[in-house]
């Protein structure tokens, strides 16, 4: 029996979910899809300055899992930039934070001044 997939904790969805050359069409063969959890590793490690271990703790997964996700995400970014392809961010196995109880740490974009957040499962229909 296969081990169930553990949903990764994501503190926010991207403000925009497609990026690419201005003159590119949306042909299926000219797109690369990055999952929301891959986006979150790029945000936490490259933008927020987290180590892979801190990112793993924030997302509630193993450091080795973060390393694999991060490697794939960087490869997709490079393919998009070098080959002039449109990058789409969607799907994946993740839980999105809300503002009810403790859970997310310093990398959470939805954390208020004195409150901490928990995470809810993503809607499988939206993936």
N, C-alpha and C. Protein backbone atom coordinates (compact mmCIF):
# COMPACT_ATOMS: atom_id res chain seq x y z
N UNK A 1 0.84 -1.18 0.00
CA UNK A 1 0.00 0.00 0.00
C UNK A 1 0.89 1.24 0.00
N UNK A 2 0.61 2.16 -0.88
CA UNK A 2 1.40 3.38 -1.00
C UNK A 2 1.11 4.32 0.16
N UNK A 3 2.15 5.03 0.54
CA UNK A 3 2.03 6.01 1.62
C UNK A 3 1.21 7.20 1.12
N UNK A 4 0.27 7.72 1.93
CA UNK A 4 -0.52 8.87 1.48
C UNK A 4 0.35 10.12 1.36
N UNK A 5 0.02 10.97 0.41
CA UNK A 5 0.77 12.20 0.20
C UNK A 5 0.44 13.19 1.31
N UNK A 6 1.49 13.77 1.88
CA UNK A 6 1.34 14.76 2.94
C UNK A 6 1.20 16.15 2.29
N UNK A 7 0.14 16.83 2.61
CA UNK A 7 -0.09 18.16 2.04
C UNK A 7 0.89 19.15 2.65
N UNK A 8 1.48 19.97 1.80
CA UNK A 8 2.46 20.95 2.24
C UNK A 8 1.76 22.22 2.68
N UNK A 9 2.27 22.87 3.71
CA UNK A 9 1.68 24.11 4.22
C UNK A 9 2.13 25.28 3.35
N UNK A 10 1.17 26.03 2.84
CA UNK A 10 1.42 27.19 2.01
C UNK A 10 0.71 28.38 2.64
N UNK A 11 1.43 29.47 2.80
CA UNK A 11 0.86 30.61 3.51
C UNK A 11 0.08 31.57 2.63
N UNK A 12 0.31 31.53 1.34
CA UNK A 12 -0.53 32.35 0.45
C UNK A 12 -0.36 31.89 -0.98
N UNK A 13 -1.35 32.14 -1.77
CA UNK A 13 -1.29 31.85 -3.20
C UNK A 13 -0.60 33.02 -3.90
N UNK A 14 -0.01 32.79 -5.06
CA UNK A 14 0.64 33.90 -5.77
C UNK A 14 -0.37 34.94 -6.21
N UNK A 15 0.07 36.19 -6.26
CA UNK A 15 -0.81 37.28 -6.71
C UNK A 15 -1.16 37.14 -8.19
N UNK A 16 -0.23 36.59 -8.95
CA UNK A 16 -0.45 36.29 -10.38
C UNK A 16 -0.05 34.84 -10.60
N UNK A 17 -0.74 34.15 -11.48
CA UNK A 17 -0.41 32.74 -11.67
C UNK A 17 0.13 32.40 -13.05
N UNK A 18 0.44 33.41 -13.87
CA UNK A 18 1.08 33.14 -15.14
C UNK A 18 2.11 34.24 -15.44
N UNK A 19 3.26 33.80 -15.95
CA UNK A 19 4.36 34.70 -16.25
C UNK A 19 5.01 34.24 -17.54
N UNK A 20 5.47 35.18 -18.32
CA UNK A 20 6.15 34.78 -19.55
C UNK A 20 6.37 35.95 -20.47
N UNK A 21 6.89 35.66 -21.64
CA UNK A 21 7.15 36.71 -22.63
C UNK A 21 5.85 37.38 -23.07
N UNK A 22 5.93 38.66 -23.30
CA UNK A 22 4.74 39.42 -23.69
C UNK A 22 4.20 39.00 -25.05
N UNK A 23 5.06 38.53 -25.94
CA UNK A 23 4.63 38.18 -27.29
C UNK A 23 4.30 36.70 -27.44
N UNK A 24 4.33 35.93 -26.34
CA UNK A 24 4.07 34.49 -26.42
C UNK A 24 2.57 34.21 -26.36
N UNK A 25 2.14 33.24 -27.13
CA UNK A 25 0.76 32.78 -27.07
C UNK A 25 0.61 31.77 -25.94
N UNK A 26 -0.59 31.32 -25.69
CA UNK A 26 -0.84 30.36 -24.61
C UNK A 26 -0.97 28.94 -25.15
N UNK A 27 -0.20 28.60 -26.17
CA UNK A 27 -0.23 27.25 -26.72
C UNK A 27 0.24 26.26 -25.65
N UNK A 28 -0.39 25.08 -25.61
CA UNK A 28 -0.06 24.08 -24.60
C UNK A 28 1.40 23.65 -24.64
N UNK A 29 2.01 23.63 -25.81
CA UNK A 29 3.39 23.17 -25.91
C UNK A 29 4.39 24.26 -25.52
N UNK A 30 3.92 25.44 -25.20
CA UNK A 30 4.79 26.55 -24.82
C UNK A 30 4.60 26.95 -23.35
N UNK A 31 4.05 26.05 -22.53
CA UNK A 31 3.79 26.33 -21.12
C UNK A 31 4.55 25.37 -20.22
N UNK A 32 4.93 25.85 -19.07
CA UNK A 32 5.50 25.03 -18.00
C UNK A 32 4.63 25.26 -16.78
N UNK A 33 4.22 24.19 -16.11
CA UNK A 33 3.38 24.32 -14.92
C UNK A 33 4.18 24.08 -13.67
N UNK A 34 4.17 25.06 -12.77
CA UNK A 34 4.79 24.96 -11.46
C UNK A 34 3.67 24.80 -10.44
N UNK A 35 3.82 23.87 -9.51
CA UNK A 35 2.79 23.68 -8.50
C UNK A 35 2.90 24.77 -7.43
N UNK A 36 1.84 24.94 -6.67
CA UNK A 36 1.81 25.96 -5.62
C UNK A 36 2.87 25.69 -4.55
N UNK A 37 3.11 24.41 -4.23
CA UNK A 37 4.14 24.11 -3.23
C UNK A 37 5.54 24.38 -3.77
N UNK A 38 5.76 24.22 -5.07
CA UNK A 38 7.04 24.61 -5.67
C UNK A 38 7.22 26.12 -5.59
N UNK A 39 6.16 26.85 -5.89
CA UNK A 39 6.18 28.32 -5.76
C UNK A 39 6.53 28.72 -4.33
N UNK A 40 5.94 28.04 -3.34
CA UNK A 40 6.17 28.38 -1.93
C UNK A 40 7.63 28.17 -1.54
N UNK A 41 8.28 27.12 -2.05
CA UNK A 41 9.70 26.92 -1.72
C UNK A 41 10.55 28.03 -2.31
N UNK A 42 10.25 28.45 -3.52
CA UNK A 42 10.98 29.57 -4.13
C UNK A 42 10.78 30.83 -3.30
N UNK A 43 9.54 31.09 -2.88
CA UNK A 43 9.25 32.29 -2.08
C UNK A 43 10.00 32.27 -0.75
N UNK A 44 9.93 31.14 -0.07
CA UNK A 44 10.55 31.07 1.25
C UNK A 44 12.08 31.11 1.19
N UNK A 45 12.67 30.34 0.27
CA UNK A 45 14.13 30.24 0.23
C UNK A 45 14.75 31.44 -0.47
N UNK A 46 14.29 31.78 -1.66
CA UNK A 46 14.93 32.85 -2.43
C UNK A 46 14.48 34.24 -2.03
N UNK A 47 13.22 34.43 -1.69
CA UNK A 47 12.73 35.76 -1.34
C UNK A 47 12.85 36.05 0.15
N UNK A 48 12.39 35.14 0.99
CA UNK A 48 12.40 35.36 2.44
C UNK A 48 13.74 35.02 3.09
N UNK A 49 14.62 34.30 2.38
CA UNK A 49 15.94 33.99 2.91
C UNK A 49 15.98 32.83 3.90
N UNK A 50 14.99 31.96 3.84
CA UNK A 50 14.97 30.79 4.72
C UNK A 50 16.03 29.79 4.27
N UNK A 51 16.56 29.02 5.22
CA UNK A 51 17.37 27.86 4.87
C UNK A 51 16.40 26.76 4.44
N UNK A 52 16.93 25.69 3.87
CA UNK A 52 16.05 24.58 3.49
C UNK A 52 15.40 23.98 4.73
N UNK A 53 16.13 23.92 5.84
CA UNK A 53 15.57 23.38 7.08
C UNK A 53 14.43 24.25 7.59
N UNK A 54 14.62 25.57 7.59
CA UNK A 54 13.55 26.49 8.02
C UNK A 54 12.34 26.40 7.11
N UNK A 55 12.59 26.28 5.82
CA UNK A 55 11.50 26.12 4.85
C UNK A 55 10.73 24.84 5.13
N UNK A 56 11.45 23.76 5.41
CA UNK A 56 10.81 22.48 5.71
C UNK A 56 9.92 22.59 6.94
N UNK A 57 10.41 23.26 7.98
CA UNK A 57 9.61 23.44 9.20
C UNK A 57 8.37 24.28 8.92
N UNK A 58 8.53 25.33 8.13
CA UNK A 58 7.41 26.20 7.78
C UNK A 58 6.34 25.44 6.99
N UNK A 59 6.78 24.59 6.06
CA UNK A 59 5.84 23.86 5.21
C UNK A 59 5.39 22.54 5.81
N UNK A 60 5.97 22.18 6.96
CA UNK A 60 5.61 20.96 7.68
C UNK A 60 5.94 19.70 6.88
N UNK A 61 7.13 19.68 6.27
CA UNK A 61 7.61 18.53 5.51
C UNK A 61 9.09 18.32 5.82
N UNK A 62 9.66 17.24 5.32
CA UNK A 62 11.08 16.92 5.55
C UNK A 62 11.98 17.84 4.71
N UNK A 63 13.20 18.08 5.22
CA UNK A 63 14.16 18.91 4.50
C UNK A 63 14.51 18.30 3.15
N UNK A 64 14.64 16.99 3.09
CA UNK A 64 14.95 16.33 1.82
C UNK A 64 13.83 16.51 0.80
N UNK A 65 12.60 16.58 1.27
CA UNK A 65 11.46 16.84 0.39
C UNK A 65 11.55 18.27 -0.15
N UNK A 66 11.88 19.21 0.72
CA UNK A 66 12.06 20.60 0.28
C UNK A 66 13.15 20.69 -0.78
N UNK A 67 14.25 19.98 -0.57
CA UNK A 67 15.35 20.01 -1.52
C UNK A 67 14.89 19.55 -2.90
N UNK A 68 14.12 18.47 -2.96
CA UNK A 68 13.61 17.98 -4.23
C UNK A 68 12.63 18.94 -4.89
N UNK A 69 11.72 19.49 -4.09
CA UNK A 69 10.73 20.45 -4.61
C UNK A 69 11.44 21.68 -5.15
N UNK A 70 12.41 22.19 -4.39
CA UNK A 70 13.16 23.40 -4.75
C UNK A 70 13.95 23.19 -6.05
N UNK A 71 14.58 22.03 -6.19
CA UNK A 71 15.35 21.71 -7.40
C UNK A 71 14.44 21.72 -8.62
N UNK A 72 13.27 21.09 -8.51
CA UNK A 72 12.32 21.06 -9.63
C UNK A 72 11.80 22.47 -9.96
N UNK A 73 11.52 23.26 -8.93
CA UNK A 73 11.01 24.61 -9.14
C UNK A 73 12.04 25.47 -9.86
N UNK A 74 13.30 25.39 -9.45
CA UNK A 74 14.36 26.18 -10.09
C UNK A 74 14.55 25.74 -11.54
N UNK A 75 14.44 24.45 -11.80
CA UNK A 75 14.57 23.94 -13.17
C UNK A 75 13.45 24.52 -14.04
N UNK A 76 12.24 24.57 -13.51
CA UNK A 76 11.11 25.11 -14.26
C UNK A 76 11.28 26.61 -14.52
N UNK A 77 11.78 27.35 -13.53
CA UNK A 77 12.05 28.77 -13.73
C UNK A 77 13.08 28.98 -14.84
N UNK A 78 14.15 28.19 -14.81
CA UNK A 78 15.20 28.31 -15.82
C UNK A 78 14.66 27.98 -17.21
N UNK A 79 13.86 26.93 -17.33
CA UNK A 79 13.28 26.57 -18.63
C UNK A 79 12.41 27.70 -19.17
N UNK A 80 11.64 28.31 -18.29
CA UNK A 80 10.77 29.40 -18.69
C UNK A 80 11.59 30.60 -19.19
N UNK A 81 12.62 30.97 -18.45
CA UNK A 81 13.44 32.12 -18.82
C UNK A 81 14.26 31.87 -20.07
N UNK A 82 14.95 30.75 -20.11
CA UNK A 82 15.86 30.47 -21.22
C UNK A 82 15.11 30.17 -22.52
N UNK A 83 14.03 29.42 -22.43
CA UNK A 83 13.31 29.00 -23.63
C UNK A 83 12.12 29.90 -23.98
N UNK A 84 11.90 30.97 -23.22
CA UNK A 84 10.81 31.90 -23.52
C UNK A 84 9.44 31.27 -23.39
N UNK A 85 9.27 30.41 -22.39
CA UNK A 85 8.00 29.71 -22.19
C UNK A 85 7.18 30.40 -21.10
N UNK A 86 5.88 30.24 -21.16
CA UNK A 86 4.99 30.80 -20.15
C UNK A 86 4.98 29.88 -18.93
N UNK A 87 5.17 30.46 -17.75
CA UNK A 87 5.15 29.71 -16.49
C UNK A 87 3.78 29.87 -15.85
N UNK A 88 3.09 28.75 -15.62
CA UNK A 88 1.78 28.75 -14.98
C UNK A 88 1.94 28.16 -13.58
N UNK A 89 1.34 28.79 -12.58
CA UNK A 89 1.40 28.29 -11.21
C UNK A 89 0.01 27.81 -10.82
N UNK A 90 -0.10 26.48 -10.60
CA UNK A 90 -1.40 25.92 -10.22
C UNK A 90 -1.20 24.48 -9.75
N UNK A 91 -2.17 24.00 -8.99
CA UNK A 91 -2.19 22.61 -8.56
C UNK A 91 -1.21 22.27 -7.46
N UNK A 92 -1.10 20.99 -7.18
CA UNK A 92 -0.21 20.50 -6.14
C UNK A 92 -0.97 20.05 -4.91
N UNK A 93 -0.24 19.46 -3.99
CA UNK A 93 -0.81 18.99 -2.72
C UNK A 93 -0.42 19.97 -1.63
N UNK A 94 -1.34 20.84 -1.22
CA UNK A 94 -1.00 21.84 -0.22
C UNK A 94 -2.18 22.15 0.69
N UNK A 95 -1.85 22.77 1.81
CA UNK A 95 -2.85 23.29 2.74
C UNK A 95 -2.62 24.79 2.83
N UNK A 96 -3.67 25.57 2.69
CA UNK A 96 -3.57 27.02 2.72
C UNK A 96 -3.88 27.56 4.10
N UNK A 97 -3.08 28.49 4.59
CA UNK A 97 -3.27 29.07 5.92
C UNK A 97 -4.56 29.90 6.00
N UNK A 98 -5.14 29.92 7.18
CA UNK A 98 -6.23 30.84 7.49
C UNK A 98 -5.84 31.58 8.78
N UNK A 99 -6.75 32.27 9.43
CA UNK A 99 -6.37 33.05 10.60
C UNK A 99 -7.02 32.56 11.89
N UNK A 100 -7.11 31.23 12.07
CA UNK A 100 -7.82 30.73 13.24
C UNK A 100 -6.94 30.43 14.45
N UNK A 101 -5.90 29.62 14.33
CA UNK A 101 -5.07 29.26 15.48
C UNK A 101 -3.59 29.17 15.09
N UNK A 102 -2.74 28.81 16.06
CA UNK A 102 -1.29 28.72 15.83
C UNK A 102 -0.94 27.76 14.71
N UNK A 103 0.15 28.04 14.03
CA UNK A 103 0.60 27.13 12.98
C UNK A 103 1.73 27.68 12.15
N UNK A 104 1.54 28.78 11.47
CA UNK A 104 2.56 29.30 10.57
C UNK A 104 3.57 30.17 11.31
N UNK A 105 4.74 30.27 10.74
CA UNK A 105 5.83 31.01 11.35
C UNK A 105 6.12 32.32 10.67
N UNK A 106 7.39 32.74 10.73
CA UNK A 106 7.78 34.07 10.28
C UNK A 106 7.63 34.29 8.78
N UNK A 107 7.55 33.22 7.98
CA UNK A 107 7.43 33.38 6.53
C UNK A 107 6.00 33.57 6.05
N UNK A 108 5.04 33.48 6.95
CA UNK A 108 3.64 33.55 6.54
C UNK A 108 3.25 34.98 6.21
N UNK A 109 2.70 35.18 5.05
CA UNK A 109 2.29 36.50 4.60
C UNK A 109 0.93 36.90 5.15
N UNK A 110 0.23 35.96 5.77
CA UNK A 110 -1.11 36.27 6.27
C UNK A 110 -1.13 36.41 7.79
N UNK A 111 0.05 36.42 8.42
CA UNK A 111 0.13 36.50 9.86
C UNK A 111 -0.10 37.94 10.31
N UNK A 112 -0.96 38.14 11.29
CA UNK A 112 -1.19 39.45 11.86
C UNK A 112 -0.13 39.77 12.90
N UNK A 113 -0.20 40.93 13.50
CA UNK A 113 0.83 41.35 14.45
C UNK A 113 0.89 40.45 15.66
N UNK A 114 -0.23 40.03 16.22
CA UNK A 114 -0.24 39.24 17.45
C UNK A 114 -0.94 37.90 17.31
N UNK A 115 -1.22 37.45 16.12
CA UNK A 115 -1.91 36.17 15.98
C UNK A 115 -1.11 35.25 15.06
N UNK A 116 -1.31 33.99 15.24
CA UNK A 116 -0.66 32.99 14.41
C UNK A 116 -1.73 32.24 13.64
N UNK A 117 -1.32 31.59 12.58
CA UNK A 117 -2.28 31.00 11.67
C UNK A 117 -2.18 29.49 11.61
N UNK A 118 -3.24 28.86 11.27
CA UNK A 118 -3.23 27.44 10.99
C UNK A 118 -3.44 27.26 9.50
N UNK A 119 -3.51 26.04 9.07
CA UNK A 119 -3.67 25.79 7.64
C UNK A 119 -4.86 24.89 7.38
N UNK A 120 -5.52 25.11 6.27
CA UNK A 120 -6.65 24.31 5.82
C UNK A 120 -6.23 23.55 4.58
N UNK A 121 -6.82 22.39 4.34
CA UNK A 121 -6.53 21.64 3.13
C UNK A 121 -7.02 22.40 1.91
N UNK A 122 -6.23 22.32 0.84
CA UNK A 122 -6.66 22.94 -0.42
C UNK A 122 -7.84 22.16 -0.97
N UNK A 123 -8.61 22.83 -1.78
CA UNK A 123 -9.74 22.18 -2.41
C UNK A 123 -9.24 21.29 -3.53
N UNK A 124 -9.42 19.95 -3.41
CA UNK A 124 -8.91 19.05 -4.44
C UNK A 124 -9.47 19.35 -5.82
N UNK A 125 -10.65 19.94 -5.89
CA UNK A 125 -11.25 20.28 -7.18
C UNK A 125 -10.50 21.41 -7.86
N UNK A 126 -9.82 22.28 -7.05
CA UNK A 126 -9.11 23.42 -7.60
C UNK A 126 -7.74 23.04 -8.14
N UNK A 127 -7.24 21.85 -7.77
CA UNK A 127 -5.89 21.45 -8.17
C UNK A 127 -5.81 21.01 -9.57
